[in-house]
């Protein structure tokens, strides 16, 4: 009983498998019959256009980021304990305002000691001067007292100069964008304690290819936008053009934009510069509808002797409904611009409507 049951089950599975295979093959054949296949011996009706040369004034859009007009690190020239802090992170600070005041008690004592030594050196010099005038003192002894007096005065000048280092002032107006000390902390010489950033004007940094950089001029006005304020455009001034290209043969161009309180452009924001060439160029132009293939490898169907030949091309600027062709086509060649879905490489074609 058990053997016969197993045999029947296996037979049913095999029968179901054969039925499924035959059904799938039949469905595939029906689908294949429904798929359109161009007949290579029958012409496909399409439209085409000639590749033409056209004078254009190309417009460029360059993307970049804004940097501050100026930025300076505050580095103390003398170490010490902070006994007064004049800034907080994010503050706007004017030029000459106190940033920090360091403890000066030790220097005060050293200055007092130097003043005492100066008084003693002055008395000695005055006494020796009288003695030297009466030839009661050698010239050598008198000159030593004179040098001692000058040395004492120099030490006082040094201490007074060091006293000025204990008051740290802002060298320019700007925002405090970094603060690395607190009241009571110890700072060291050469250790940055703050960063002051001036964004009264900002500069948009863009990279310009060599075929366009020759048309940029320092001092020229250019339209600029900031991604944070998409509804507005600003007037910028070309402030800097690099004399050396980077590894990608692009040149850095800086465009200065004056900031305003209503639309404050902050350093690090993204922006765009819009430049229209003043020198017209002759460009090979085709309609954008003629393009097939991917963005990495655009292609077109070139019509030659009634046959569509697929060709790789290199594209340039987009000009409204047209597009510039840099490589792959010649003026006067015919390219298909409609019915592309029915085309394959080498298929015969005929002009639609004729």
C-alpha atoms as a PDB file:
ATOM      1  CA  UNK A   1       0.000   0.000   0.000  1.00  0.00           C
ATOM      2  CA  UNK A   2       2.677   2.438   0.948  1.00  0.00           C
ATOM      3  CA  UNK A   3       4.722   1.829  -2.236  1.00  0.00           C
ATOM      4  CA  UNK A   4       1.759   2.412  -4.518  1.00  0.00           C
ATOM      5  CA  UNK A   5       0.909   5.631  -2.681  1.00  0.00           C
ATOM      6  CA  UNK A   6       4.447   6.955  -3.162  1.00  0.00           C
ATOM      7  CA  UNK A   7       4.428   6.078  -6.866  1.00  0.00           C
ATOM      8  CA  UNK A   8       1.118   7.862  -7.383  1.00  0.00           C
ATOM      9  CA  UNK A   9       2.402  10.987  -5.567  1.00  0.00           C
ATOM     10  CA  UNK A  10       5.592  11.092  -7.656  1.00  0.00           C
ATOM     11  CA  UNK A  11       3.600  10.670 -10.865  1.00  0.00           C
ATOM     12  CA  UNK A  12       1.307  13.560  -9.906  1.00  0.00           C
ATOM     13  CA  UNK A  13       4.278  15.836  -9.173  1.00  0.00           C
ATOM     14  CA  UNK A  14       5.908  15.006 -12.490  1.00  0.00           C
ATOM     15  CA  UNK A  15       2.659  15.581 -14.370  1.00  0.00           C
ATOM     16  CA  UNK A  16       2.185  18.958 -12.670  1.00  0.00           C
ATOM     17  CA  UNK A  17       5.754  19.960 -13.536  1.00  0.00           C
ATOM     18  CA  UNK A  18       5.328  19.025 -17.202  1.00  0.00           C
ATOM     19  CA  UNK A  19       2.022  20.923 -17.339  1.00  0.00           C
ATOM     20  CA  UNK A  20       3.597  24.036 -15.777  1.00  0.00           C
ATOM     21  CA  UNK A  21       6.577  23.950 -18.178  1.00  0.00           C
ATOM     22  CA  UNK A  22       4.329  23.647 -21.231  1.00  0.00           C
ATOM     23  CA  UNK A  23       2.089  26.462 -20.001  1.00  0.00           C
ATOM     24  CA  UNK A  24       5.023  28.814 -19.394  1.00  0.00           C
ATOM     25  CA  UNK A  25       6.517  28.049 -22.811  1.00  0.00           C
ATOM     26  CA  UNK A  26       3.185  28.751 -24.490  1.00  0.00           C
ATOM     27  CA  UNK A  27       2.826  32.086 -22.623  1.00  0.00           C
ATOM     28  CA  UNK A  28       6.381  33.068 -23.620  1.00  0.00           C
ATOM     29  CA  UNK A  29       5.661  32.327 -27.262  1.00  0.00           C
ATOM     30  CA  UNK A  30       2.506  34.443 -27.120  1.00  0.00           C
ATOM     31  CA  UNK A  31       4.418  37.342 -25.515  1.00  0.00           C
ATOM     32  CA  UNK A  32       7.165  37.099 -28.109  1.00  0.00           C
ATOM     33  CA  UNK A  33       4.570  37.340 -30.833  1.00  0.00           C
ATOM     34  CA  UNK A  34       3.214  40.533 -29.229  1.00  0.00           C
ATOM     35  CA  UNK A  35       6.663  42.221 -28.900  1.00  0.00           C
ATOM     36  CA  UNK A  36       7.388  44.609 -31.723  1.00  0.00           C
ATOM     37  CA  UNK A  37      10.367  43.651 -33.860  1.00  0.00           C
ATOM     38  CA  UNK A  38      11.456  45.896 -36.622  1.00  0.00           C
ATOM     39  CA  UNK A  39      11.667  44.248 -39.991  1.00  0.00           C
ATOM     40  CA  UNK A  40      15.176  45.001 -41.300  1.00  0.00           C
ATOM     41  CA  UNK A  41      13.856  44.745 -44.852  1.00  0.00           C
ATOM     42  CA  UNK A  42      11.082  47.246 -44.265  1.00  0.00           C
ATOM     43  CA  UNK A  43      11.789  50.974 -43.834  1.00  0.00           C
ATOM     44  CA  UNK A  44      10.774  52.635 -40.548  1.00  0.00           C
ATOM     45  CA  UNK A  45       9.151  56.047 -40.945  1.00  0.00           C
ATOM     46  CA  UNK A  46      10.841  58.751 -38.871  1.00  0.00           C
ATOM     47  CA  UNK A  47      11.837  62.418 -39.123  1.00  0.00           C
ATOM     48  CA  UNK A  48      15.342  63.817 -39.151  1.00  0.00           C
ATOM     49  CA  UNK A  49      17.189  67.099 -39.194  1.00  0.00           C
ATOM     50  CA  UNK A  50      20.537  68.384 -40.414  1.00  0.00           C
ATOM     51  CA  UNK A  51      23.326  69.228 -37.965  1.00  0.00           C
ATOM     52  CA  UNK A  52      23.789  72.999 -38.236  1.00  0.00           C
ATOM     53  CA  UNK A  53      26.260  75.584 -37.041  1.00  0.00           C
ATOM     54  CA  UNK A  54      24.884  78.466 -35.046  1.00  0.00           C
ATOM     55  CA  UNK A  55      26.397  81.530 -33.417  1.00  0.00           C
ATOM     56  CA  UNK A  56      25.634  81.503 -29.704  1.00  0.00           C
ATOM     57  CA  UNK A  57      26.538  83.549 -26.650  1.00  0.00           C
ATOM     58  CA  UNK A  58      26.849  80.689 -24.169  1.00  0.00           C
ATOM     59  CA  UNK A  59      25.621  81.217 -20.631  1.00  0.00           C
ATOM     60  CA  UNK A  60      27.387  79.531 -17.734  1.00  0.00           C
ATOM     61  CA  UNK A  61      26.262  78.704 -14.229  1.00  0.00           C
ATOM     62  CA  UNK A  62      29.006  78.003 -11.703  1.00  0.00           C
ATOM     63  CA  UNK A  63      28.361  76.528  -8.263  1.00  0.00           C
ATOM     64  CA  UNK A  64      30.538  77.298  -5.272  1.00  0.00           C
ATOM     65  CA  UNK A  65      30.528  78.259  -1.603  1.00  0.00           C
ATOM     66  CA  UNK A  66      30.910  81.564   0.202  1.00  0.00           C
ATOM     67  CA  UNK A  67      33.950  82.355   2.328  1.00  0.00           C
ATOM     68  CA  UNK A  68      34.434  85.288   4.725  1.00  0.00           C
ATOM     69  CA  UNK A  69      36.055  88.509   3.584  1.00  0.00           C
ATOM     70  CA  UNK A  70      38.708  88.199   6.308  1.00  0.00           C
ATOM     71  CA  UNK A  71      39.399  85.871   9.190  1.00  0.00           C
ATOM     72  CA  UNK A  72      42.030  86.201  11.893  1.00  0.00           C
ATOM     73  CA  UNK A  73      43.124  83.968  14.757  1.00  0.00           C
ATOM     74  CA  UNK A  74      43.777  85.670  18.078  1.00  0.00           C
ATOM     75  CA  UNK A  75      47.082  84.371  19.446  1.00  0.00           C
ATOM     76  CA  UNK A  76      48.509  85.849  22.693  1.00  0.00           C
ATOM     77  CA  UNK A  77      52.159  86.860  22.664  1.00  0.00           C
ATOM     78  CA  UNK A  78      52.492  86.200  26.408  1.00  0.00           C
ATOM     79  CA  UNK A  79      50.934  83.539  28.611  1.00  0.00           C
ATOM     80  CA  UNK A  80      49.038  84.035  31.812  1.00  0.00           C
ATOM     81  CA  UNK A  81      45.785  83.658  33.719  1.00  0.00           C
ATOM     82  CA  UNK A  82      42.655  85.252  32.236  1.00  0.00           C
ATOM     83  CA  UNK A  83      41.243  87.667  34.825  1.00  0.00           C
ATOM     84  CA  UNK A  84      38.799  89.393  32.462  1.00  0.00           C
ATOM     85  CA  UNK A  85      36.988  87.983  29.404  1.00  0.00           C
ATOM     86  CA  UNK A  86      35.490  90.481  26.964  1.00  0.00           C
ATOM     87  CA  UNK A  87      33.797  88.197  24.406  1.00  0.00           C
ATOM     88  CA  UNK A  88      31.387  85.310  24.075  1.00  0.00           C
ATOM     89  CA  UNK A  89      30.947  82.917  21.166  1.00  0.00           C
ATOM     90  CA  UNK A  90      28.781  84.511  18.447  1.00  0.00           C
ATOM     91  CA  UNK A  91      29.340  88.104  19.614  1.00  0.00           C
ATOM     92  CA  UNK A  92      29.952  90.875  17.114  1.00  0.00           C
ATOM     93  CA  UNK A  93      33.118  92.637  18.226  1.00  0.00           C
ATOM     94  CA  UNK A  94      34.400  95.993  17.002  1.00  0.00           C
ATOM     95  CA  UNK A  95      38.017  96.688  16.145  1.00  0.00           C
ATOM     96  CA  UNK A  96      40.026  97.582  19.270  1.00  0.00           C
ATOM     97  CA  UNK A  97      37.587  96.009  21.745  1.00  0.00           C
ATOM     98  CA  UNK A  98      39.076  93.987  24.622  1.00  0.00           C
ATOM     99  CA  UNK A  99      39.063  90.222  24.079  1.00  0.00           C
ATOM    100  CA  UNK A 100      40.871  89.179  27.270  1.00  0.00           C
ATOM    101  CA  UNK A 101      42.971  90.659  30.072  1.00  0.00           C
ATOM    102  CA  UNK A 102      45.703  88.531  31.630  1.00  0.00           C
ATOM    103  CA  UNK A 103      47.048  88.690  35.188  1.00  0.00           C
ATOM    104  CA  UNK A 104      49.838  91.307  35.389  1.00  0.00           C
ATOM    105  CA  UNK A 105      50.849  91.224  39.079  1.00  0.00           C
ATOM    106  CA  UNK A 106      54.192  89.512  38.417  1.00  0.00           C
ATOM    107  CA  UNK A 107      55.100  91.999  35.686  1.00  0.00           C
ATOM    108  CA  UNK A 108      54.112  94.902  37.928  1.00  0.00           C
ATOM    109  CA  UNK A 109      56.578  93.701  40.573  1.00  0.00           C
ATOM    110  CA  UNK A 110      59.316  93.238  37.978  1.00  0.00           C
ATOM    111  CA  UNK A 111      58.630  96.732  36.653  1.00  0.00           C
ATOM    112  CA  UNK A 112      58.852  98.220  40.155  1.00  0.00           C
ATOM    113  CA  UNK A 113      62.168  96.432  40.717  1.00  0.00           C
ATOM    114  CA  UNK A 114      63.486  97.765  37.393  1.00  0.00           C
ATOM    115  CA  UNK A 115      62.433 101.311  38.340  1.00  0.00           C
ATOM    116  CA  UNK A 116      64.353 100.984  41.633  1.00  0.00           C
ATOM    117  CA  UNK A 117      67.431  99.861  39.708  1.00  0.00           C
ATOM    118  CA  UNK A 118      66.982 102.798  37.332  1.00  0.00           C
ATOM    119  CA  UNK A 119      66.883 105.258  40.221  1.00  0.00           C
ATOM    120  CA  UNK A 120      70.065 103.764  41.654  1.00  0.00           C
ATOM    121  CA  UNK A 121      71.772 103.826  38.229  1.00  0.00           C
ATOM    122  CA  UNK A 122      70.718 107.463  37.744  1.00  0.00           C
ATOM    123  CA  UNK A 123      72.211 108.530  41.087  1.00  0.00           C
ATOM    124  CA  UNK A 124      75.442 106.668  40.335  1.00  0.00           C
ATOM    125  CA  UNK A 125      75.691 108.257  36.887  1.00  0.00           C
ATOM    126  CA  UNK A 126      75.070 111.784  38.216  1.00  0.00           C
ATOM    127  CA  UNK A 127      77.716 111.336  40.930  1.00  0.00           C
ATOM    128  CA  UNK A 128      80.267 109.898  38.510  1.00  0.00           C
ATOM    129  CA  UNK A 129      79.595 112.699  36.052  1.00  0.00           C
ATOM    130  CA  UNK A 130      80.610 115.276  38.659  1.00  0.00           C
ATOM    131  CA  UNK A 131      83.674 113.271  39.623  1.00  0.00           C
ATOM    132  CA  UNK A 132      84.685 112.806  36.001  1.00  0.00           C
ATOM    133  CA  UNK A 133      84.424 116.554  35.339  1.00  0.00           C
ATOM    134  CA  UNK A 134      86.935 117.170  38.155  1.00  0.00           C
ATOM    135  CA  UNK A 135      89.175 114.378  36.909  1.00  0.00           C
ATOM    136  CA  UNK A 136      88.522 112.456  40.115  1.00  0.00           C
ATOM    137  CA  UNK A 137      87.196 109.410  38.202  1.00  0.00           C
ATOM    138  CA  UNK A 138      88.614 107.451  35.338  1.00  0.00           C
ATOM    139  CA  UNK A 139      86.900 107.632  31.948  1.00  0.00           C
ATOM    140  CA  UNK A 140      86.359 103.891  32.001  1.00  0.00           C
ATOM    141  CA  UNK A 141      84.428 103.993  35.309  1.00  0.00           C
ATOM    142  CA  UNK A 142      82.292 106.859  34.039  1.00  0.00           C
ATOM    143  CA  UNK A 143      81.392 104.981  30.829  1.00  0.00           C
ATOM    144  CA  UNK A 144      80.394 101.875  32.821  1.00  0.00           C
ATOM    145  CA  UNK A 145      77.961 103.937  34.920  1.00  0.00           C
ATOM    146  CA  UNK A 146      76.565 105.444  31.711  1.00  0.00           C
ATOM    147  CA  UNK A 147      76.003 101.980  30.215  1.00  0.00           C
ATOM    148  CA  UNK A 148      74.384 100.769  33.461  1.00  0.00           C
ATOM    149  CA  UNK A 149      71.935 103.677  33.276  1.00  0.00           C
ATOM    150  CA  UNK A 150      71.002 102.844  29.673  1.00  0.00           C
ATOM    151  CA  UNK A 151      70.573  99.144  30.557  1.00  0.00           C
ATOM    152  CA  UNK A 152      68.231  99.994  33.446  1.00  0.00           C
ATOM    153  CA  UNK A 153      66.136 102.205  31.162  1.00  0.00           C
ATOM    154  CA  UNK A 154      65.975  99.445  28.509  1.00  0.00           C
ATOM    155  CA  UNK A 155      64.746  96.906  31.086  1.00  0.00           C
ATOM    156  CA  UNK A 156      61.892  99.263  32.023  1.00  0.00           C
ATOM    157  CA  UNK A 157      60.953  99.654  28.336  1.00  0.00           C
ATOM    158  CA  UNK A 158      60.914  95.847  27.935  1.00  0.00           C
ATOM    159  CA  UNK A 159      58.604  95.371  30.932  1.00  0.00           C
ATOM    160  CA  UNK A 160      56.304  98.133  29.734  1.00  0.00           C
ATOM    161  CA  UNK A 161      56.097  96.465  26.312  1.00  0.00           C
ATOM    162  CA  UNK A 162      55.309  93.128  27.950  1.00  0.00           C
ATOM    163  CA  UNK A 163      52.559  94.809  29.957  1.00  0.00           C
ATOM    164  CA  UNK A 164      50.816  95.710  26.688  1.00  0.00           C
ATOM    165  CA  UNK A 165      50.674  92.008  25.753  1.00  0.00           C
ATOM    166  CA  UNK A 166      48.455  91.309  28.753  1.00  0.00           C
ATOM    167  CA  UNK A 167      45.596  93.265  27.195  1.00  0.00           C
ATOM    168  CA  UNK A 168      44.457  91.406  24.069  1.00  0.00           C
ATOM    169  CA  UNK A 169      42.379  93.521  21.662  1.00  0.00           C
ATOM    170  CA  UNK A 170      40.539  92.662  18.466  1.00  0.00           C
ATOM    171  CA  UNK A 171      42.524  93.700  15.360  1.00  0.00           C
ATOM    172  CA  UNK A 172      39.326  94.037  13.265  1.00  0.00           C
ATOM    173  CA  UNK A 173      35.547  94.059  13.462  1.00  0.00           C
ATOM    174  CA  UNK A 174      33.728  90.771  13.014  1.00  0.00           C
ATOM    175  CA  UNK A 175      31.936  87.876  14.660  1.00  0.00           C
ATOM    176  CA  UNK A 176      33.492  85.598  17.265  1.00  0.00           C
ATOM    177  CA  UNK A 177      33.306  82.207  15.530  1.00  0.00           C
ATOM    178  CA  UNK A 178      35.628  80.362  17.915  1.00  0.00           C
ATOM    179  CA  UNK A 179      36.505  80.898  21.604  1.00  0.00           C
ATOM    180  CA  UNK A 180      38.999  78.631  23.379  1.00  0.00           C
ATOM    181  CA  UNK A 181      39.299  80.201  26.843  1.00  0.00           C
ATOM    182  CA  UNK A 182      37.209  81.033  29.895  1.00  0.00           C
ATOM    183  CA  UNK A 183      37.572  83.345  32.851  1.00  0.00           C
ATOM    184  CA  UNK A 184      40.306  81.909  35.085  1.00  0.00           C
ATOM    185  CA  UNK A 185      41.868  79.674  32.447  1.00  0.00           C
ATOM    186  CA  UNK A 186      45.596  79.729  31.674  1.00  0.00           C
ATOM    187  CA  UNK A 187      46.588  80.633  28.135  1.00  0.00           C
ATOM    188  CA  UNK A 188      49.979  80.038  26.548  1.00  0.00           C
ATOM    189  CA  UNK A 189      51.957  82.068  24.007  1.00  0.00           C
ATOM    190  CA  UNK A 190      51.222  80.897  20.465  1.00  0.00           C
ATOM    191  CA  UNK A 191      48.002  79.101  21.477  1.00  0.00           C
ATOM    192  CA  UNK A 192      44.944  80.397  19.496  1.00  0.00           C
ATOM    193  CA  UNK A 193      42.274  81.598  21.913  1.00  0.00           C
ATOM    194  CA  UNK A 194      39.667  83.001  19.485  1.00  0.00           C
ATOM    195  CA  UNK A 195      38.747  83.378  15.826  1.00  0.00           C
ATOM    196  CA  UNK A 196      37.268  86.617  14.476  1.00  0.00           C
ATOM    197  CA  UNK A 197      35.387  86.375  11.154  1.00  0.00           C
ATOM    198  CA  UNK A 198      34.488  89.380   9.025  1.00  0.00           C
ATOM    199  CA  UNK A 199      31.436  88.804   6.785  1.00  0.00           C
ATOM    200  CA  UNK A 200      30.633  92.435   6.016  1.00  0.00           C
ATOM    201  CA  UNK A 201      31.433  91.181   2.542  1.00  0.00           C
ATOM    202  CA  UNK A 202      31.685  87.543   1.479  1.00  0.00           C
ATOM    203  CA  UNK A 203      33.393  85.899  -1.465  1.00  0.00           C
ATOM    204  CA  UNK A 204      31.859  83.193  -3.640  1.00  0.00           C
ATOM    205  CA  UNK A 205      34.545  80.703  -4.679  1.00  0.00           C
ATOM    206  CA  UNK A 206      33.894  79.047  -8.059  1.00  0.00           C
ATOM    207  CA  UNK A 207      35.933  76.887 -10.431  1.00  0.00           C
ATOM    208  CA  UNK A 208      36.009  78.053 -14.052  1.00  0.00           C
ATOM    209  CA  UNK A 209      37.273  75.905 -16.966  1.00  0.00           C
ATOM    210  CA  UNK A 210      40.011  77.221 -19.216  1.00  0.00           C
ATOM    211  CA  UNK A 211      37.656  77.770 -22.183  1.00  0.00           C
ATOM    212  CA  UNK A 212      35.719  80.358 -20.163  1.00  0.00           C
ATOM    213  CA  UNK A 213      38.199  81.917 -17.728  1.00  0.00           C
ATOM    214  CA  UNK A 214      39.711  84.185 -20.392  1.00  0.00           C
ATOM    215  CA  UNK A 215      36.401  86.084 -20.519  1.00  0.00           C
ATOM    216  CA  UNK A 216      36.475  86.932 -16.802  1.00  0.00           C
ATOM    217  CA  UNK A 217      37.862  90.329 -15.790  1.00  0.00           C
ATOM    218  CA  UNK A 218      38.769  91.543 -12.303  1.00  0.00           C
ATOM    219  CA  UNK A 219      36.412  94.320 -11.233  1.00  0.00           C
ATOM    220  CA  UNK A 220      33.618  93.190 -13.581  1.00  0.00           C
ATOM    221  CA  UNK A 221      30.065  92.855 -12.215  1.00  0.00           C
ATOM    222  CA  UNK A 222      28.428  89.428 -12.193  1.00  0.00           C
ATOM    223  CA  UNK A 223      25.080  88.108 -10.960  1.00  0.00           C
ATOM    224  CA  UNK A 224      25.195  85.836  -7.914  1.00  0.00           C
ATOM    225  CA  UNK A 225      22.583  83.891  -5.950  1.00  0.00           C
ATOM    226  CA  UNK A 226      22.659  82.171  -2.573  1.00  0.00           C
ATOM    227  CA  UNK A 227      20.897  78.838  -2.085  1.00  0.00           C
ATOM    228  CA  UNK A 228      19.558  80.085   1.261  1.00  0.00           C
ATOM    229  CA  UNK A 229      17.733  82.938  -0.536  1.00  0.00           C
ATOM    230  CA  UNK A 230      16.603  81.326  -3.826  1.00  0.00           C
ATOM    231  CA  UNK A 231      14.242  84.195  -4.662  1.00  0.00           C
ATOM    232  CA  UNK A 232      16.999  86.836  -4.693  1.00  0.00           C
ATOM    233  CA  UNK A 233      19.959  87.725  -6.871  1.00  0.00           C
ATOM    234  CA  UNK A 234      22.923  89.862  -5.816  1.00  0.00           C
ATOM    235  CA  UNK A 235      25.429  91.971  -7.683  1.00  0.00           C
ATOM    236  CA  UNK A 236      28.922  90.583  -7.216  1.00  0.00           C
ATOM    237  CA  UNK A 237      32.310  91.904  -8.254  1.00  0.00           C
ATOM    238  CA  UNK A 238      35.058  89.635  -9.583  1.00  0.00           C
ATOM    239  CA  UNK A 239      37.799  90.091  -6.994  1.00  0.00           C
ATOM    240  CA  UNK A 240      40.348  87.417  -7.878  1.00  0.00           C
ATOM    241  CA  UNK A 241      41.233  85.175 -10.829  1.00  0.00           C
ATOM    242  CA  UNK A 242      43.824  82.446 -10.266  1.00  0.00           C
ATOM    243  CA  UNK A 243      46.881  82.472 -12.500  1.00  0.00           C
ATOM    244  CA  UNK A 244      47.374  78.719 -12.063  1.00  0.00           C
ATOM    245  CA  UNK A 245      44.890  75.914 -12.790  1.00  0.00           C
ATOM    246  CA  UNK A 246      44.219  72.952 -10.522  1.00  0.00           C
ATOM    247  CA  UNK A 247      44.756  69.324 -11.568  1.00  0.00           C
ATOM    248  CA  UNK A 248      41.411  69.354 -13.427  1.00  0.00           C
ATOM    249  CA  UNK A 249      42.438  72.443 -15.449  1.00  0.00           C
ATOM    250  CA  UNK A 250      39.976  74.676 -13.614  1.00  0.00           C
ATOM    251  CA  UNK A 251      40.799  78.138 -12.296  1.00  0.00           C
ATOM    252  CA  UNK A 252      39.618  79.541  -8.954  1.00  0.00           C
ATOM    253  CA  UNK A 253      37.617  82.765  -9.250  1.00  0.00           C
ATOM    254  CA  UNK A 254      36.458  84.753  -6.198  1.00  0.00           C
ATOM    255  CA  UNK A 255      33.408  87.016  -6.443  1.00  0.00           C
ATOM    256  CA  UNK A 256      32.905  89.623  -3.715  1.00  0.00           C
ATOM    257  CA  UNK A 257      29.330  90.272  -2.516  1.00  0.00           C
ATOM    258  CA  UNK A 258      28.383  92.975  -0.004  1.00  0.00           C
ATOM    259  CA  UNK A 259      26.304  91.626   2.868  1.00  0.00           C
ATOM    260  CA  UNK A 260      23.148  93.213   4.233  1.00  0.00           C
ATOM    261  CA  UNK A 261      21.279  92.734   7.491  1.00  0.00           C
ATOM    262  CA  UNK A 262      18.102  91.611   5.697  1.00  0.00           C
ATOM    263  CA  UNK A 263      19.772  88.810   3.741  1.00  0.00           C
ATOM    264  CA  UNK A 264      22.869  87.850   5.695  1.00  0.00           C
ATOM    265  CA  UNK A 265      24.992  85.449   3.650  1.00  0.00           C
ATOM    266  CA  UNK A 266      27.013  83.348   6.048  1.00  0.00           C
ATOM    267  CA  UNK A 267      30.390  81.806   5.345  1.00  0.00           C
ATOM    268  CA  UNK A 268      30.014  78.227   4.127  1.00  0.00           C
ATOM    269  CA  UNK A 269      26.657  78.716   2.386  1.00  0.00           C
ATOM    270  CA  UNK A 270      26.338  77.467  -1.198  1.00  0.00           C
ATOM    271  CA  UNK A 271      25.775  79.848  -4.090  1.00  0.00           C
ATOM    272  CA  UNK A 272      25.811  80.202  -7.856  1.00  0.00           C
ATOM    273  CA  UNK A 273      27.357  82.685 -10.283  1.00  0.00           C
ATOM    274  CA  UNK A 274      25.722  83.405 -13.641  1.00  0.00           C
ATOM    275  CA  UNK A 275      27.942  84.436 -16.532  1.00  0.00           C
ATOM    276  CA  UNK A 276      26.962  85.076 -20.149  1.00  0.00           C
ATOM    277  CA  UNK A 277      29.743  85.106 -22.690  1.00  0.00           C
ATOM    278  CA  UNK A 278      30.279  88.359 -24.575  1.00  0.00           C
ATOM    279  CA  UNK A 279      32.156  86.563 -27.358  1.00  0.00           C
ATOM    280  CA  UNK A 280      29.832  84.585 -29.699  1.00  0.00           C
ATOM    281  CA  UNK A 281      31.040  81.157 -30.806  1.00  0.00           C
ATOM    282  CA  UNK A 282      30.116  78.881 -33.714  1.00  0.00           C
ATOM    283  CA  UNK A 283      28.615  75.719 -32.284  1.00  0.00           C
ATOM    284  CA  UNK A 284      27.253  72.524 -33.830  1.00  0.00           C
ATOM    285  CA  UNK A 285      23.611  72.330 -32.756  1.00  0.00           C
ATOM    286  CA  UNK A 286      21.017  69.535 -32.741  1.00  0.00           C
ATOM    287  CA  UNK A 287      17.602  69.203 -31.124  1.00  0.00           C
ATOM    288  CA  UNK A 288      17.594  67.625 -27.671  1.00  0.00           C
ATOM    289  CA  UNK A 289      14.979  65.098 -28.868  1.00  0.00           C
ATOM    290  CA  UNK A 290      17.648  63.459 -31.046  1.00  0.00           C
ATOM    291  CA  UNK A 291      19.624  62.214 -28.056  1.00  0.00           C
ATOM    292  CA  UNK A 292      19.471  58.540 -27.052  1.00  0.00           C
ATOM    293  CA  UNK A 293      21.667  56.527 -24.730  1.00  0.00           C
ATOM    294  CA  UNK A 294      22.771  57.527 -21.231  1.00  0.00           C
ATOM    295  CA  UNK A 295      24.015  60.829 -19.843  1.00  0.00           C
ATOM    296  CA  UNK A 296      27.472  59.298 -19.538  1.00  0.00           C
ATOM    297  CA  UNK A 297      27.463  58.140 -23.144  1.00  0.00           C
ATOM    298  CA  UNK A 298      24.960  60.078 -25.283  1.00  0.00           C
ATOM    299  CA  UNK A 299      24.249  58.752 -28.794  1.00  0.00           C
ATOM    300  CA  UNK A 300      22.327  59.733 -31.934  1.00  0.00           C
ATOM    301  CA  UNK A 301      21.093  57.918 -35.040  1.00  0.00           C
ATOM    302  CA  UNK A 302      22.829  59.325 -38.110  1.00  0.00           C
ATOM    303  CA  UNK A 303      20.929  58.787 -41.369  1.00  0.00           C
ATOM    304  CA  UNK A 304      23.154  57.787 -44.276  1.00  0.00           C
ATOM    305  CA  UNK A 305      21.868  56.241 -47.567  1.00  0.00           C
ATOM    306  CA  UNK A 306      18.496  55.501 -45.973  1.00  0.00           C
ATOM    307  CA  UNK A 307      20.017  53.607 -43.048  1.00  0.00           C
ATOM    308  CA  UNK A 308      20.112  54.643 -39.340  1.00  0.00           C
ATOM    309  CA  UNK A 309      23.624  54.334 -37.869  1.00  0.00           C
ATOM    310  CA  UNK A 310      24.064  54.651 -34.090  1.00  0.00           C
ATOM    311  CA  UNK A 311      26.979  56.968 -33.159  1.00  0.00           C
ATOM    312  CA  UNK A 312      28.547  58.079 -29.868  1.00  0.00           C
ATOM    313  CA  UNK A 313      28.814  61.840 -29.396  1.00  0.00           C
ATOM    314  CA  UNK A 314      30.097  64.332 -26.831  1.00  0.00           C
ATOM    315  CA  UNK A 315      27.712  67.046 -25.686  1.00  0.00           C
ATOM    316  CA  UNK A 316      28.349  70.617 -24.603  1.00  0.00           C
ATOM    317  CA  UNK A 317      26.029  73.413 -23.493  1.00  0.00           C
ATOM    318  CA  UNK A 318      22.236  73.199 -23.408  1.00  0.00           C
ATOM    319  CA  UNK A 319      20.674  76.091 -25.338  1.00  0.00           C
ATOM    320  CA  UNK A 320      16.912  76.098 -24.708  1.00  0.00           C
ATOM    321  CA  UNK A 321      15.541  73.165 -26.830  1.00  0.00           C
ATOM    322  CA  UNK A 322      18.869  72.589 -28.556  1.00  0.00           C
ATOM    323  CA  UNK A 323      22.148  71.198 -27.395  1.00  0.00           C
ATOM    324  CA  UNK A 324      25.743  71.728 -28.495  1.00  0.00           C
ATOM    325  CA  UNK A 325      27.711  68.816 -29.933  1.00  0.00           C
ATOM    326  CA  UNK A 326      31.446  68.910 -29.233  1.00  0.00           C
ATOM    327  CA  UNK A 327      32.526  65.668 -30.903  1.00  0.00           C
ATOM    328  CA  UNK A 328      31.085  62.892 -33.064  1.00  0.00           C
ATOM    329  CA  UNK A 329      29.135  64.844 -35.695  1.00  0.00           C
ATOM    330  CA  UNK A 330      29.873  67.120 -38.635  1.00  0.00           C
ATOM    331  CA  UNK A 331      27.881  69.997 -40.082  1.00  0.00           C
ATOM    332  CA  UNK A 332      25.267  68.801 -42.574  1.00  0.00           C
ATOM    333  CA  UNK A 333      24.925  65.237 -41.247  1.00  0.00           C
ATOM    334  CA  UNK A 334      21.355  64.043 -40.752  1.00  0.00           C
ATOM    335  CA  UNK A 335      20.203  62.834 -37.314  1.00  0.00           C
ATOM    336  CA  UNK A 336      16.886  61.253 -36.392  1.00  0.00           C
ATOM    337  CA  UNK A 337      14.729  63.382 -34.059  1.00  0.00           C
ATOM    338  CA  UNK A 338      11.468  61.389 -33.805  1.00  0.00           C
ATOM    339  CA  UNK A 339      10.398  57.758 -33.898  1.00  0.00           C
ATOM    340  CA  UNK A 340      13.606  56.784 -32.098  1.00  0.00           C
ATOM    341  CA  UNK A 341      11.902  54.006 -30.152  1.00  0.00           C
ATOM    342  CA  UNK A 342      11.469  52.038 -33.391  1.00  0.00           C
ATOM    343  CA  UNK A 343      15.101  52.356 -34.459  1.00  0.00           C
ATOM    344  CA  UNK A 344      17.945  49.895 -34.208  1.00  0.00           C
ATOM    345  CA  UNK A 345      21.439  50.184 -35.534  1.00  0.00           C
ATOM    346  CA  UNK A 346      21.515  49.500 -39.290  1.00  0.00           C
ATOM    347  CA  UNK A 347      17.771  49.585 -39.890  1.00  0.00           C
ATOM    348  CA  UNK A 348      16.327  51.146 -43.075  1.00  0.00           C
ATOM    349  CA  UNK A 349      14.418  54.412 -42.606  1.00  0.00           C
ATOM    350  CA  UNK A 350      12.196  56.718 -44.612  1.00  0.00           C
ATOM    351  CA  UNK A 351      11.107  60.319 -44.049  1.00  0.00           C
ATOM    352  CA  UNK A 352       7.668  60.410 -42.365  1.00  0.00           C
ATOM    353  CA  UNK A 353       5.013  62.218 -44.340  1.00  0.00           C
ATOM    354  CA  UNK A 354       6.692  61.599 -47.708  1.00  0.00           C
END
